[in-house]
Protein backbone atom coordinates (compact mmCIF):
# COMPACT_ATOMS: atom_id res chain seq x y z
CA MET A 1 65.60 56.71 32.23
CA SER A 2 66.35 54.64 35.21
CA VAL A 3 70.15 54.68 34.01
CA ALA A 4 70.18 58.44 33.68
CA SER A 5 68.57 59.03 36.86
CA GLY A 6 70.74 56.73 38.60
CA GLN A 7 73.81 58.58 37.35
CA ARG A 8 72.50 61.82 38.57
CA ARG A 9 72.01 60.34 41.92
CA GLN A 10 75.66 59.29 42.07
CA ALA A 11 76.85 62.70 40.81
CA MET A 12 74.83 64.32 43.61
CA LYS A 13 76.37 62.22 46.15
CA MET A 14 79.80 62.98 45.23
CA ARG A 15 81.67 65.56 47.47
CA SER A 16 84.09 68.09 46.54
CA PRO A 17 87.71 67.41 47.49
CA VAL A 18 87.88 70.99 48.80
CA GLN A 19 86.33 71.27 52.09
CA LYS A 20 83.49 73.80 52.56
CA LYS A 21 84.34 76.59 55.32
CA HIS A 22 81.66 78.25 57.21
CA ALA A 23 81.87 81.96 57.94
CA ARG A 24 82.87 82.76 61.42
CA ILE A 25 82.85 86.19 63.30
CA GLU A 26 86.12 86.66 65.42
CA ILE A 27 85.49 88.66 68.35
CA ILE A 28 88.83 88.99 69.80
CA PRO A 29 90.31 91.22 67.21
CA LEU A 30 86.93 93.28 67.61
CA ILE A 31 87.56 93.72 71.35
CA ASP A 32 91.28 95.00 70.60
CA ILE A 33 90.09 97.34 68.21
CA MET A 34 87.36 98.72 70.46
CA PHE A 35 89.76 99.05 73.43
CA PHE A 36 92.20 101.10 71.12
CA LEU A 37 89.43 103.49 69.92
CA LEU A 38 88.27 103.88 73.48
CA ALA A 39 91.87 104.83 74.76
CA SER A 40 92.26 107.16 71.66
CA PHE A 41 89.08 108.91 72.42
CA MET A 42 89.96 109.18 76.17
CA MET A 43 93.41 110.76 75.28
CA VAL A 44 92.02 113.29 72.80
CA SER A 45 89.25 114.25 75.25
CA LEU A 46 91.70 114.85 77.91
CA SER A 47 94.05 116.99 76.04
CA GLN A 48 91.07 119.24 75.00
CA THR A 49 90.19 120.29 78.55
CA HIS A 50 91.67 123.55 79.56
CA MET A 51 91.85 124.53 83.20
CA LYS A 52 91.08 128.27 83.53
CA GLY A 53 91.01 130.06 86.72
CA LEU A 54 90.58 133.61 88.25
CA PRO A 55 93.56 135.45 89.53
CA VAL A 56 93.29 135.94 93.29
CA ASN A 57 95.09 138.34 95.48
CA LEU A 58 96.15 136.59 98.47
CA PRO A 59 97.03 138.51 101.50
CA ALA A 60 100.76 138.68 102.43
CA PRO A 61 101.76 137.00 105.70
CA ASN A 62 101.92 139.55 108.66
CA PRO A 63 105.14 139.04 110.93
CA ALA A 64 102.99 139.95 113.93
CA GLN A 65 100.77 137.03 113.09
CA GLN A 66 103.27 134.29 112.66
CA GLN A 67 102.46 130.91 114.11
CA PRO A 68 104.46 129.60 116.91
CA PRO A 69 107.04 127.06 116.07
CA PRO A 70 105.75 123.63 116.15
CA VAL A 71 105.75 121.78 119.43
CA LYS A 72 108.60 119.37 119.63
CA ASP A 73 107.47 115.71 120.07
CA TYR A 74 110.79 113.60 119.78
CA VAL A 75 113.86 113.99 121.83
CA ALA A 76 117.31 112.04 121.49
CA ILE A 77 119.07 111.30 124.66
CA ARG A 78 122.44 109.96 124.42
CA VAL A 79 124.58 108.82 127.40
CA THR A 80 128.37 108.68 127.08
CA GLU A 81 131.32 107.41 129.16
CA GLY A 82 132.12 109.66 132.01
CA ALA A 83 128.34 110.20 132.91
CA LEU A 84 127.83 112.82 130.10
CA ILE A 85 124.15 113.26 128.94
CA TYR A 86 123.10 114.97 125.84
CA PHE A 87 119.60 116.13 124.63
CA ASP A 88 119.72 116.37 120.81
CA ASN A 89 123.62 116.55 120.94
CA VAL A 90 123.41 119.37 123.42
CA PRO A 91 125.26 118.67 126.54
CA VAL A 92 122.97 118.68 129.71
CA LEU A 93 124.04 118.56 133.32
CA GLU A 94 122.71 115.54 135.32
CA ASP A 95 120.90 117.80 137.64
CA ASP A 96 119.06 119.47 134.77
CA VAL A 97 117.78 116.29 132.96
CA LEU A 98 114.57 116.06 135.27
CA PRO A 99 113.44 119.66 134.90
CA ARG A 100 113.96 119.41 130.90
CA LEU A 101 112.16 116.28 130.76
CA PHE A 102 109.17 117.97 132.99
CA GLU A 103 109.23 120.77 130.55
CA LEU A 104 109.14 118.46 127.39
CA GLN A 105 105.94 116.56 128.75
CA LYS A 106 104.36 119.74 129.68
CA GLN A 107 104.66 121.09 126.00
CA ASN A 108 103.69 117.79 124.71
CA PRO A 109 102.17 115.08 126.54
CA GLN A 110 102.90 112.53 123.85
CA ALA A 111 106.29 113.30 123.73
CA LYS A 112 108.76 110.53 122.60
CA ILE A 113 112.26 109.81 123.70
CA SER A 114 114.98 107.82 122.07
CA LEU A 115 117.59 106.72 124.68
CA SER A 116 120.89 105.57 123.64
CA ALA A 117 124.31 104.68 125.36
CA GLU A 118 127.83 104.32 124.32
CA PRO A 119 129.49 101.00 124.99
CA LEU A 120 131.42 102.27 127.96
CA ALA A 121 128.54 104.34 129.59
CA LEU A 122 127.67 103.43 133.06
CA HIS A 123 124.69 101.30 133.49
CA GLY A 124 123.63 103.27 136.48
CA VAL A 125 123.39 106.55 134.61
CA VAL A 126 121.36 105.00 131.87
CA MET A 127 118.97 103.60 134.54
CA SER A 128 118.88 107.07 136.25
CA VAL A 129 117.96 108.91 133.13
CA LEU A 130 115.23 106.29 132.46
CA ASP A 131 113.76 106.72 136.03
CA LYS A 132 113.73 110.47 135.50
CA ALA A 133 111.85 110.01 132.24
CA ARG A 134 109.31 107.93 134.39
CA GLN A 135 109.02 110.51 136.96
CA ALA A 136 108.23 113.02 134.30
CA ARG A 137 105.46 110.74 133.03
CA ILE A 138 106.95 110.17 129.72
CA ALA A 139 105.55 107.01 128.45
CA LYS A 140 106.92 106.61 124.94
CA ILE A 141 110.49 105.65 125.39
CA GLY A 142 112.60 103.89 122.82
CA PHE A 143 116.21 102.40 123.02
CA GLN A 144 118.71 102.50 120.22
CA ILE A 145 120.59 99.46 120.07
CA LYS A 146 123.50 98.53 117.82
CA THR A 147 124.13 95.06 116.53
CA ALA A 148 127.25 93.48 117.78
CA SER A 149 130.21 93.58 115.62
CA PRO A 150 131.91 90.76 114.10
CA GLN A 151 134.96 90.85 116.18
CA GLY A 152 132.83 90.88 119.42
CA ALA A 153 132.25 93.84 121.90
CA PRO A 154 135.09 95.70 123.44
CA GLY A 155 136.78 93.73 126.22
CA THR A 156 135.71 90.28 125.02
CA VAL A 157 138.00 87.52 124.11
CA PRO A 158 138.10 86.86 120.51
CA PRO A 159 137.10 83.18 119.37
CA PRO A 160 140.29 80.73 118.96
CA ALA A 161 141.63 80.91 115.69
CA ALA A 162 141.84 77.40 113.53
CA PRO A 163 145.18 75.70 114.27
CA PRO A 164 147.84 75.96 111.65
CA PRO A 165 148.03 72.92 109.31
CA PRO A 166 150.64 70.13 110.02
CA PRO A 167 154.00 70.72 108.54
CA LYS A 168 154.86 68.30 105.51
């Protein structure tokens, strides 16, 4: 009996060459499926809603009750050579600049001005327009400035060119 019981014990201790796998629950595919189902149900429920409304008879606009045009809050002033001044591309005499600026400020106290000048415009005329804008108590003034061209400004001397290569 001792020999047989010893053989049984050894048989019990021997392990199988195939490893035993434990069952696992993978949660990542489960999450993917749940998001897919959620998105599918949301799309189906959104396609089933029907927007229904009641027909309404709106009053027609009356020409007598039309609103006045909106108040202008921006004016582009351009000074060209020869002391010509333009308000939104409309020529204005130099004597009419100050009254028009006062009228603009009276219509809209928050009015803005964009002041630009051509390269050959006189500096004094530009400063005169700026002073008149300040007299009219217009506080928001912007300046349009163009970048210098690669060749330089008109009237400037171009940079010296590289000397030619020596003859061979």
